[in-house]
Amino acid sequence: MTTFRWGIAFIQLGMLLLAIGLVPLAIMALLFPGVSNLVPVLLSLSVAPLGGLCLIAGLVMWGIGKVRG
């Protein structure tokens, strides 16, 4: 597998992890503001940073793969 394809895979993984970490937090904050939202906060603090790192690494790999050909 080339660096370009690895970059695309890491970008997709990063977006998925960011969605898993941030979407429940947004839903709980908007639809259920009075309910304790401990689980979405824990997801946003544990999964979302990993998703951000994967997204950045994927963008770097994608850029390197694009430049290399």
C-alpha atoms as a PDB file:
ATOM      1  CA  MET A   1       0.000   0.000   0.000  1.00  0.00           C
ATOM      2  CA  THR A   2       1.348   3.420  -0.898  1.00  0.00           C
ATOM      3  CA  THR A   3       1.768   6.390   1.423  1.00  0.00           C
ATOM      4  CA  PHE A   4      -1.076   8.145  -0.400  1.00  0.00           C
ATOM      5  CA  ARG A   5      -3.512   5.309   0.384  1.00  0.00           C
ATOM      6  CA  TRP A   6      -2.307   5.085   3.994  1.00  0.00           C
ATOM      7  CA  GLY A   7      -2.969   8.806   4.280  1.00  0.00           C
ATOM      8  CA  ILE A   8      -6.519   8.393   3.034  1.00  0.00           C
ATOM      9  CA  ALA A   9      -7.092   5.528   5.476  1.00  0.00           C
ATOM     10  CA  PHE A  10      -5.782   7.579   8.420  1.00  0.00           C
ATOM     11  CA  ILE A  11      -7.918  10.566   7.393  1.00  0.00           C
ATOM     12  CA  GLN A  12     -11.010   8.360   7.361  1.00  0.00           C
ATOM     13  CA  LEU A  13     -10.097   6.838  10.726  1.00  0.00           C
ATOM     14  CA  GLY A  14      -9.494  10.285  12.214  1.00  0.00           C
ATOM     15  CA  MET A  15     -12.845  11.596  11.001  1.00  0.00           C
ATOM     16  CA  LEU A  16     -14.612   8.512  12.375  1.00  0.00           C
ATOM     17  CA  LEU A  17     -12.965   8.862  15.789  1.00  0.00           C
ATOM     18  CA  LEU A  18     -13.722  12.589  15.902  1.00  0.00           C
ATOM     19  CA  ALA A  19     -17.356  11.854  15.064  1.00  0.00           C
ATOM     20  CA  ILE A  20     -17.553   9.173  17.765  1.00  0.00           C
ATOM     21  CA  GLY A  21     -16.067  11.591  20.267  1.00  0.00           C
ATOM     22  CA  LEU A  22     -17.876  14.815  19.411  1.00  0.00           C
ATOM     23  CA  VAL A  23     -21.310  13.944  17.984  1.00  0.00           C
ATOM     24  CA  PRO A  24     -22.700  12.412  21.222  1.00  0.00           C
ATOM     25  CA  LEU A  25     -21.494  15.441  23.151  1.00  0.00           C
ATOM     26  CA  ALA A  26     -23.222  17.815  20.741  1.00  0.00           C
ATOM     27  CA  ILE A  27     -26.444  15.776  20.762  1.00  0.00           C
ATOM     28  CA  MET A  28     -26.550  15.607  24.550  1.00  0.00           C
ATOM     29  CA  ALA A  29     -25.789  19.324  24.880  1.00  0.00           C
ATOM     30  CA  LEU A  30     -28.441  20.366  22.366  1.00  0.00           C
ATOM     31  CA  LEU A  31     -31.267  17.896  22.971  1.00  0.00           C
ATOM     32  CA  PHE A  32     -30.875  16.958  26.637  1.00  0.00           C
ATOM     33  CA  PRO A  33     -29.235  19.882  28.462  1.00  0.00           C
ATOM     34  CA  GLY A  34     -30.508  18.884  31.934  1.00  0.00           C
ATOM     35  CA  VAL A  35     -29.279  15.288  31.852  1.00  0.00           C
ATOM     36  CA  SER A  36     -25.869  14.301  33.188  1.00  0.00           C
ATOM     37  CA  ASN A  37     -23.645  13.914  30.160  1.00  0.00           C
ATOM     38  CA  LEU A  38     -20.725  12.068  31.718  1.00  0.00           C
ATOM     39  CA  VAL A  39     -20.363   9.439  28.961  1.00  0.00           C
ATOM     40  CA  PRO A  40     -20.254  11.951  26.067  1.00  0.00           C
ATOM     41  CA  VAL A  41     -17.721  14.058  27.965  1.00  0.00           C
ATOM     42  CA  LEU A  42     -15.548  10.995  28.552  1.00  0.00           C
ATOM     43  CA  LEU A  43     -15.824  10.099  24.858  1.00  0.00           C
ATOM     44  CA  SER A  44     -14.828  13.596  23.844  1.00  0.00           C
ATOM     45  CA  LEU A  45     -11.838  13.560  26.197  1.00  0.00           C
ATOM     46  CA  SER A  46     -10.588  10.088  25.278  1.00  0.00           C
ATOM     47  CA  VAL A  47     -11.522   9.385  21.658  1.00  0.00           C
ATOM     48  CA  ALA A  48     -11.564  12.840  20.061  1.00  0.00           C
ATOM     49  CA  PRO A  49      -7.873  13.694  20.686  1.00  0.00           C
ATOM     50  CA  LEU A  50      -6.834  10.372  19.159  1.00  0.00           C
ATOM     51  CA  GLY A  51      -9.026  11.160  16.163  1.00  0.00           C
ATOM     52  CA  GLY A  52      -7.382  14.548  15.806  1.00  0.00           C
ATOM     53  CA  LEU A  53      -3.921  12.997  15.841  1.00  0.00           C
ATOM     54  CA  CYS A  54      -4.948  10.399  13.254  1.00  0.00           C
ATOM     55  CA  LEU A  55      -6.407  13.136  11.066  1.00  0.00           C
ATOM     56  CA  ILE A  56      -3.213  15.216  11.232  1.00  0.00           C
ATOM     57  CA  ALA A  57      -1.015  12.164  10.563  1.00  0.00           C
ATOM     58  CA  GLY A  58      -3.256  11.201   7.655  1.00  0.00           C
ATOM     59  CA  LEU A  59      -3.036  14.663   6.139  1.00  0.00           C
ATOM     60  CA  VAL A  60       0.760  14.589   6.410  1.00  0.00           C
ATOM     61  CA  MET A  61       0.966  11.124   4.825  1.00  0.00           C
ATOM     62  CA  TRP A  62      -1.498  12.121   2.111  1.00  0.00           C
ATOM     63  CA  GLY A  63       0.559  15.214   1.307  1.00  0.00           C
ATOM     64  CA  ILE A  64       3.800  13.230   1.151  1.00  0.00           C
ATOM     65  CA  GLY A  65       2.157  10.637  -1.062  1.00  0.00           C
ATOM     66  CA  LYS A  66       0.772  13.321  -3.344  1.00  0.00           C
ATOM     67  CA  VAL A  67       4.186  14.969  -3.729  1.00  0.00           C
ATOM     68  CA  ARG A  68       6.005  11.682  -4.346  1.00  0.00           C
ATOM     69  CA  GLY A  69       3.717  10.807  -7.186  1.00  0.00           C
END
